[in-house]
Amino acid sequence: MNYSSGETVEIGDSVTLEYGKTPGVVYAVIESPQQINEWTLDEPGIMIEAEPFGLVFWPKSETYDPVVFVARKCT
């Protein structure tokens, strides 16, 4: 799965959502049918840990307000 800017989504990435107002960190990348089933979702996407919300699911089909890549987690 890729961000709209082309980078590959990876667990631990720093991102923003809600048009850049809310920072978050990618918690899970959900792509395969098995992962979709395990998370009891209807479609692929990413799970983001974002205060004050906790875990937020952002579907891959969301194009109106995309998740924006900020930085890769340093390992």
PDB file of N, CA and C in Angstrom:
ATOM      1  N   MET A   1       0.846  -1.166   0.000  1.00  0.00           N
ATOM      2  CA  MET A   1       0.000   0.000   0.000  1.00  0.00           C
ATOM      3  C   MET A   1       0.895   1.234   0.000  1.00  0.00           C
ATOM      4  N   ASN A   2       0.498   2.258  -0.724  1.00  0.00           N
ATOM      5  CA  ASN A   2       1.292   3.471  -0.863  1.00  0.00           C
ATOM      6  C   ASN A   2       0.501   4.698  -0.441  1.00  0.00           C
ATOM      7  N   TYR A   3       1.243   5.715   0.014  1.00  0.00           N
ATOM      8  CA  TYR A   3       0.642   7.030   0.263  1.00  0.00           C
ATOM      9  C   TYR A   3       0.373   7.685  -1.087  1.00  0.00           C
ATOM     10  N   SER A   4      -0.424   8.734  -1.089  1.00  0.00           N
ATOM     11  CA  SER A   4      -0.705   9.439  -2.347  1.00  0.00           C
ATOM     12  C   SER A   4       0.560  10.037  -2.946  1.00  0.00           C
ATOM     13  N   SER A   5       1.591  10.262  -2.120  1.00  0.00           N
ATOM     14  CA  SER A   5       2.865  10.808  -2.612  1.00  0.00           C
ATOM     15  C   SER A   5       3.779   9.743  -3.199  1.00  0.00           C
ATOM     16  N   GLY A   6       3.385   8.450  -3.058  1.00  0.00           N
ATOM     17  CA  GLY A   6       4.129   7.368  -3.679  1.00  0.00           C
ATOM     18  C   GLY A   6       4.933   6.494  -2.742  1.00  0.00           C
ATOM     19  N   GLU A   7       5.276   6.981  -1.534  1.00  0.00           N
ATOM     20  CA  GLU A   7       6.039   6.172  -0.582  1.00  0.00           C
ATOM     21  C   GLU A   7       5.218   4.973  -0.131  1.00  0.00           C
ATOM     22  N   THR A   8       5.895   3.874   0.150  1.00  0.00           N
ATOM     23  CA  THR A   8       5.240   2.677   0.675  1.00  0.00           C
ATOM     24  C   THR A   8       4.902   2.895   2.139  1.00  0.00           C
ATOM     25  N   VAL A   9       3.689   2.540   2.535  1.00  0.00           N
ATOM     26  CA  VAL A   9       3.261   2.648   3.931  1.00  0.00           C
ATOM     27  C   VAL A   9       3.968   1.570   4.744  1.00  0.00           C
ATOM     28  N   GLU A  10       4.585   1.960   5.862  1.00  0.00           N
ATOM     29  CA  GLU A  10       5.250   1.020   6.755  1.00  0.00           C
ATOM     30  C   GLU A  10       4.820   1.289   8.192  1.00  0.00           C
ATOM     31  N   ILE A  11       4.757   0.213   8.990  1.00  0.00           N
ATOM     32  CA  ILE A  11       4.438   0.344  10.402  1.00  0.00           C
ATOM     33  C   ILE A  11       5.486   1.240  11.050  1.00  0.00           C
ATOM     34  N   GLY A  12       5.025   2.174  11.889  1.00  0.00           N
ATOM     35  CA  GLY A  12       5.920   3.110  12.566  1.00  0.00           C
ATOM     36  C   GLY A  12       6.079   4.441  11.861  1.00  0.00           C
ATOM     37  N   ASP A  13       5.547   4.578  10.637  1.00  0.00           N
ATOM     38  CA  ASP A  13       5.634   5.851   9.918  1.00  0.00           C
ATOM     39  C   ASP A  13       4.882   6.946  10.671  1.00  0.00           C
ATOM     40  N   SER A  14       5.457   8.139  10.688  1.00  0.00           N
ATOM     41  CA  SER A  14       4.760   9.322  11.190  1.00  0.00           C
ATOM     42  C   SER A  14       3.918   9.872  10.048  1.00  0.00           C
ATOM     43  N   VAL A  15       2.659  10.176  10.360  1.00  0.00           N
ATOM     44  CA  VAL A  15       1.721  10.658   9.349  1.00  0.00           C
ATOM     45  C   VAL A  15       0.854  11.766   9.949  1.00  0.00           C
ATOM     46  N   THR A  16       0.103  12.425   9.078  1.00  0.00           N
ATOM     47  CA  THR A  16      -0.954  13.322   9.541  1.00  0.00           C
ATOM     48  C   THR A  16      -2.246  12.924   8.851  1.00  0.00           C
ATOM     49  N   LEU A  17      -3.350  13.203   9.517  1.00  0.00           N
ATOM     50  CA  LEU A  17      -4.665  12.996   8.940  1.00  0.00           C
ATOM     51  C   LEU A  17      -5.521  14.202   9.271  1.00  0.00           C
ATOM     52  N   GLU A  18      -6.739  14.209   8.814  1.00  0.00           N
ATOM     53  CA  GLU A  18      -7.631  15.361   8.966  1.00  0.00           C
ATOM     54  C   GLU A  18      -6.987  16.631   8.397  1.00  0.00           C
ATOM     55  N   TYR A  19      -6.546  16.518   7.152  1.00  0.00           N
ATOM     56  CA  TYR A  19      -5.943  17.653   6.439  1.00  0.00           C
ATOM     57  C   TYR A  19      -4.746  18.233   7.183  1.00  0.00           C
ATOM     58  N   GLY A  20      -3.933  17.346   7.795  1.00  0.00           N
ATOM     59  CA  GLY A  20      -2.723  17.775   8.465  1.00  0.00           C
ATOM     60  C   GLY A  20      -2.904  18.243   9.888  1.00  0.00           C
ATOM     61  N   LYS A  21      -4.122  18.238  10.407  1.00  0.00           N
ATOM     62  CA  LYS A  21      -4.379  18.725  11.758  1.00  0.00           C
ATOM     63  C   LYS A  21      -4.012  17.722  12.843  1.00  0.00           C
ATOM     64  N   THR A  22      -4.052  16.424  12.535  1.00  0.00           N
ATOM     65  CA  THR A  22      -3.868  15.396  13.550  1.00  0.00           C
ATOM     66  C   THR A  22      -2.659  14.521  13.220  1.00  0.00           C
ATOM     67  N   PRO A  23      -1.634  14.529  14.078  1.00  0.00           N
ATOM     68  CA  PRO A  23      -0.492  13.633  13.865  1.00  0.00           C
ATOM     69  C   PRO A  23      -0.819  12.224  14.330  1.00  0.00           C
ATOM     70  N   GLY A  24      -0.143  11.264  13.733  1.00  0.00           N
ATOM     71  CA  GLY A  24      -0.332   9.876  14.126  1.00  0.00           C
ATOM     72  C   GLY A  24       0.838   9.020  13.694  1.00  0.00           C
ATOM     73  N   VAL A  25       0.761   7.746  14.084  1.00  0.00           N
ATOM     74  CA  VAL A  25       1.788   6.766  13.737  1.00  0.00           C
ATOM     75  C   VAL A  25       1.075   5.538  13.184  1.00  0.00           C
ATOM     76  N   VAL A  26       1.575   5.007  12.067  1.00  0.00           N
ATOM     77  CA  VAL A  26       0.978   3.820  11.466  1.00  0.00           C
ATOM     78  C   VAL A  26       1.174   2.637  12.417  1.00  0.00           C
ATOM     79  N   TYR A  27       0.063   2.036  12.818  1.00  0.00           N
ATOM     80  CA  TYR A  27       0.052   0.913  13.748  1.00  0.00           C
ATOM     81  C   TYR A  27      -0.005  -0.417  13.002  1.00  0.00           C
ATOM     82  N   ALA A  28      -0.763  -0.451  11.899  1.00  0.00           N
ATOM     83  CA  ALA A  28      -0.900  -1.680  11.107  1.00  0.00           C
ATOM     84  C   ALA A  28      -1.250  -1.331   9.671  1.00  0.00           C
ATOM     85  N   VAL A  29      -0.741  -2.149   8.754  1.00  0.00           N
ATOM     86  CA  VAL A  29      -1.094  -2.050   7.335  1.00  0.00           C
ATOM     87  C   VAL A  29      -1.955  -3.267   7.049  1.00  0.00           C
ATOM     88  N   ILE A  30      -3.180  -3.036   6.626  1.00  0.00           N
ATOM     89  CA  ILE A  30      -4.160  -4.108   6.454  1.00  0.00           C
ATOM     90  C   ILE A  30      -4.477  -4.223   4.967  1.00  0.00           C
ATOM     91  N   GLU A  31      -3.945  -5.286   4.334  1.00  0.00           N
ATOM     92  CA  GLU A  31      -4.086  -5.432   2.886  1.00  0.00           C
ATOM     93  C   GLU A  31      -4.700  -6.752   2.462  1.00  0.00           C
ATOM     94  N   SER A  32      -4.277  -7.843   3.062  1.00  0.00           N
ATOM     95  CA  SER A  32      -4.707  -9.168   2.597  1.00  0.00           C
ATOM     96  C   SER A  32      -6.115  -9.488   3.095  1.00  0.00           C
ATOM     97  N   PRO A  33      -6.816 -10.376   2.388  1.00  0.00           N
ATOM     98  CA  PRO A  33      -8.144 -10.796   2.858  1.00  0.00           C
ATOM     99  C   PRO A  33      -8.103 -11.340   4.291  1.00  0.00           C
ATOM    100  N   GLN A  34      -7.025 -12.046   4.634  1.00  0.00           N
ATOM    101  CA  GLN A  34      -6.900 -12.589   5.988  1.00  0.00           C
ATOM    102  C   GLN A  34      -6.789 -11.447   7.018  1.00  0.00           C
ATOM    103  N   GLN A  35      -5.985 -10.440   6.719  1.00  0.00           N
ATOM    104  CA  GLN A  35      -5.847  -9.302   7.634  1.00  0.00           C
ATOM    105  C   GLN A  35      -7.165  -8.548   7.761  1.00  0.00           C
ATOM    106  N   ILE A  36      -7.856  -8.353   6.651  1.00  0.00           N
ATOM    107  CA  ILE A  36      -9.153  -7.665   6.669  1.00  0.00           C
ATOM    108  C   ILE A  36     -10.120  -8.425   7.562  1.00  0.00           C
ATOM    109  N   ASN A  37     -10.120  -9.744   7.438  1.00  0.00           N
ATOM    110  CA  ASN A  37     -10.987 -10.589   8.259  1.00  0.00           C
ATOM    111  C   ASN A  37     -10.589 -10.524   9.735  1.00  0.00           C
ATOM    112  N   GLU A  38      -9.286 -10.590  10.025  1.00  0.00           N
ATOM    113  CA  GLU A  38      -8.808 -10.538  11.410  1.00  0.00           C
ATOM    114  C   GLU A  38      -9.203  -9.237  12.108  1.00  0.00           C
ATOM    115  N   TRP A  39      -9.186  -8.153  11.388  1.00  0.00           N
ATOM    116  CA  TRP A  39      -9.557  -6.849  11.947  1.00  0.00           C
ATOM    117  C   TRP A  39     -11.062  -6.594  11.845  1.00  0.00           C
ATOM    118  N   THR A  40     -11.800  -7.547  11.267  1.00  0.00           N
ATOM    119  CA  THR A  40     -13.256  -7.437  11.015  1.00  0.00           C
ATOM    120  C   THR A  40     -13.600  -6.136  10.276  1.00  0.00           C
ATOM    121  N   LEU A  41     -12.924  -5.944   9.152  1.00  0.00           N
ATOM    122  CA  LEU A  41     -13.136  -4.768   8.312  1.00  0.00           C
ATOM    123  C   LEU A  41     -13.747  -5.189   6.989  1.00  0.00           C
ATOM    124  N   ASP A  42     -14.165  -4.209   6.210  1.00  0.00           N
ATOM    125  CA  ASP A  42     -14.764  -4.470   4.902  1.00  0.00           C
ATOM    126  C   ASP A  42     -13.820  -4.206   3.738  1.00  0.00           C
ATOM    127  N   GLU A  43     -12.702  -3.541   4.009  1.00  0.00           N
ATOM    128  CA  GLU A  43     -11.785  -3.171   2.935  1.00  0.00           C
ATOM    129  C   GLU A  43     -10.381  -2.954   3.491  1.00  0.00           C
ATOM    130  N   PRO A  44      -9.370  -2.913   2.617  1.00  0.00           N
ATOM    131  CA  PRO A  44      -8.003  -2.665   3.064  1.00  0.00           C
ATOM    132  C   PRO A  44      -7.820  -1.216   3.506  1.00  0.00           C
ATOM    133  N   GLY A  45      -6.770  -1.001   4.282  1.00  0.00           N
ATOM    134  CA  GLY A  45      -6.438   0.351   4.737  1.00  0.00           C
ATOM    135  C   GLY A  45      -5.331   0.297   5.754  1.00  0.00           C
ATOM    136  N   ILE A  46      -5.196   1.376   6.518  1.00  0.00           N
ATOM    137  CA  ILE A  46      -4.176   1.408   7.563  1.00  0.00           C
ATOM    138  C   ILE A  46      -4.815   1.788   8.897  1.00  0.00           C
ATOM    139  N   MET A  47      -4.266   1.225   9.959  1.00  0.00           N
ATOM    140  CA  MET A  47      -4.681   1.551  11.310  1.00  0.00           C
ATOM    141  C   MET A  47      -3.647   2.525  11.850  1.00  0.00           C
ATOM    142  N   ILE A  48      -4.120   3.655  12.332  1.00  0.00           N
ATOM    143  CA  ILE A  48      -3.254   4.720  12.791  1.00  0.00           C
ATOM    144  C   ILE A  48      -3.513   4.982  14.266  1.00  0.00           C
ATOM    145  N   GLU A  49      -2.442   5.099  15.043  1.00  0.00           N
ATOM    146  CA  GLU A  49      -2.564   5.490  16.434  1.00  0.00           C
ATOM    147  C   GLU A  49      -2.449   7.006  16.481  1.00  0.00           C
ATOM    148  N   ALA A  50      -3.550   7.679  16.866  1.00  0.00           N
ATOM    149  CA  ALA A  50      -3.587   9.137  16.847  1.00  0.00           C
ATOM    150  C   ALA A  50      -4.313   9.654  18.083  1.00  0.00           C
ATOM    151  N   GLU A  51      -3.633  10.497  18.828  1.00  0.00           N
ATOM    152  CA  GLU A  51      -4.281  11.153  19.973  1.00  0.00           C
ATOM    153  C   GLU A  51      -5.176  12.250  19.431  1.00  0.00           C
ATOM    154  N   PRO A  52      -6.303  12.478  19.973  1.00  0.00           N
ATOM    155  CA  PRO A  52      -6.901  11.887  21.159  1.00  0.00           C
ATOM    156  C   PRO A  52      -7.810  10.704  20.848  1.00  0.00           C
ATOM    157  N   PHE A  53      -7.733  10.161  19.632  1.00  0.00           N
ATOM    158  CA  PHE A  53      -8.697   9.156  19.186  1.00  0.00           C
ATOM    159  C   PHE A  53      -8.353   7.719  19.560  1.00  0.00           C
ATOM    160  N   GLY A  54      -7.086   7.404  19.779  1.00  0.00           N
ATOM    161  CA  GLY A  54      -6.668   6.013  19.930  1.00  0.00           C
ATOM    162  C   GLY A  54      -6.375   5.455  18.554  1.00  0.00           C
ATOM    163  N   LEU A  55      -6.865   4.252  18.261  1.00  0.00           N
ATOM    164  CA  LEU A  55      -6.655   3.659  16.936  1.00  0.00           C
ATOM    165  C   LEU A  55      -7.743   4.129  15.978  1.00  0.00           C
ATOM    166  N   VAL A  56      -7.315   4.555  14.800  1.00  0.00           N
ATOM    167  CA  VAL A  56      -8.224   5.043  13.765  1.00  0.00           C
ATOM    168  C   VAL A  56      -7.960   4.244  12.498  1.00  0.00           C
ATOM    169  N   PHE A  57      -9.022   3.697  11.889  1.00  0.00           N
ATOM    170  CA  PHE A  57      -8.876   3.007  10.610  1.00  0.00           C
ATOM    171  C   PHE A  57      -9.089   4.009   9.492  1.00  0.00           C
ATOM    172  N   TRP A  58      -8.126   4.053   8.572  1.00  0.00           N
ATOM    173  CA  TRP A  58      -8.230   4.927   7.401  1.00  0.00           C
ATOM    174  C   TRP A  58      -8.260   4.029   6.173  1.00  0.00           C
ATOM    175  N   PRO A  59      -9.414   3.904   5.506  1.00  0.00           N
ATOM    176  CA  PRO A  59      -9.514   2.988   4.362  1.00  0.00           C
ATOM    177  C   PRO A  59      -8.686   3.442   3.168  1.00  0.00           C
ATOM    178  N   LYS A  60      -8.198   2.469   2.436  1.00  0.00           N
ATOM    179  CA  LYS A  60      -7.416   2.752   1.230  1.00  0.00           C
ATOM    180  C   LYS A  60      -8.233   3.553   0.215  1.00  0.00           C
ATOM    181  N   SER A  61      -9.545   3.362   0.218  1.00  0.00           N
ATOM    182  CA  SER A  61     -10.423   4.033  -0.749  1.00  0.00           C
ATOM    183  C   SER A  61     -10.634   5.517  -0.447  1.00  0.00           C
ATOM    184  N   GLU A  62     -10.187   5.994   0.717  1.00  0.00           N
ATOM    185  CA  GLU A  62     -10.366   7.404   1.078  1.00  0.00           C
ATOM    186  C   GLU A  62      -9.420   8.276   0.271  1.00  0.00           C
ATOM    187  N   THR A  63      -9.955   9.034  -0.652  1.00  0.00           N
ATOM    188  CA  THR A  63      -9.121   9.923  -1.473  1.00  0.00           C
ATOM    189  C   THR A  63      -9.410  11.391  -1.182  1.00  0.00           C
ATOM    190  N   TYR A  64     -10.536  11.668  -0.564  1.00  0.00           N
ATOM    191  CA  TYR A  64     -10.924  13.050  -0.275  1.00  0.00           C
ATOM    192  C   TYR A  64     -10.020  13.672   0.800  1.00  0.00           C
ATOM    193  N   ASP A  65      -9.635  12.876   1.808  1.00  0.00           N
ATOM    194  CA  ASP A  65      -8.776  13.335   2.896  1.00  0.00           C
ATOM    195  C   ASP A  65      -7.695  12.286   3.140  1.00  0.00           C
ATOM    196  N   PRO A  66      -6.678  12.224   2.263  1.00  0.00           N
ATOM    197  CA  PRO A  66      -5.673  11.165   2.389  1.00  0.00           C
ATOM    198  C   PRO A  66      -4.759  11.333   3.605  1.00  0.00           C
ATOM    199  N   VAL A  67      -4.232  10.214   4.070  1.00  0.00           N
ATOM    200  CA  VAL A  67      -3.202  10.234   5.107  1.00  0.00           C
ATOM    201  C   VAL A  67      -1.931  10.752   4.443  1.00  0.00           C
ATOM    202  N   VAL A  68      -1.246  11.674   5.104  1.00  0.00           N
ATOM    203  CA  VAL A  68      -0.040  12.282   4.533  1.00  0.00           C
ATOM    204  C   VAL A  68       1.194  11.746   5.263  1.00  0.00           C
ATOM    205  N   PHE A  69       2.129  11.236   4.495  1.00  0.00           N
ATOM    206  CA  PHE A  69       3.401  10.735   5.028  1.00  0.00           C
ATOM    207  C   PHE A  69       4.239  11.906   5.502  1.00  0.00           C
ATOM    208  N   VAL A  70       4.793  11.790   6.740  1.00  0.00           N
ATOM    209  CA  VAL A  70       5.655  12.823   7.307  1.00  0.00           C
ATOM    210  C   VAL A  70       7.094  12.334   7.382  1.00  0.00           C
ATOM    211  N   ALA A  71       7.313  11.155   8.019  1.00  0.00           N
ATOM    212  CA  ALA A  71       8.675  10.668   8.193  1.00  0.00           C
ATOM    213  C   ALA A  71       8.660   9.174   8.480  1.00  0.00           C
ATOM    214  N   ARG A  72       9.739   8.520   8.117  1.00  0.00           N
ATOM    215  CA  ARG A  72       9.943   7.100   8.368  1.00  0.00           C
ATOM    216  C   ARG A  72      10.535   6.929   9.758  1.00  0.00           C
ATOM    217  N   LYS A  73      10.077   5.906  10.456  1.00  0.00           N
ATOM    218  CA  LYS A  73      10.632   5.598  11.776  1.00  0.00           C
ATOM    219  C   LYS A  73      12.095   5.208  11.610  1.00  0.00           C
ATOM    220  N   CYS A  74      12.961   5.784  12.410  1.00  0.00           N
ATOM    221  CA  CYS A  74      14.385   5.441  12.374  1.00  0.00           C
ATOM    222  C   CYS A  74      14.602   4.130  13.093  1.00  0.00           C
ATOM    223  N   THR A  75      15.361   3.217  12.485  1.00  0.00           N
ATOM    224  CA  THR A  75      15.619   1.928  13.118  1.00  0.00           C
ATOM    225  C   THR A  75      17.089   1.816  13.489  1.00  0.00           C
TER     226      THR A  75
END
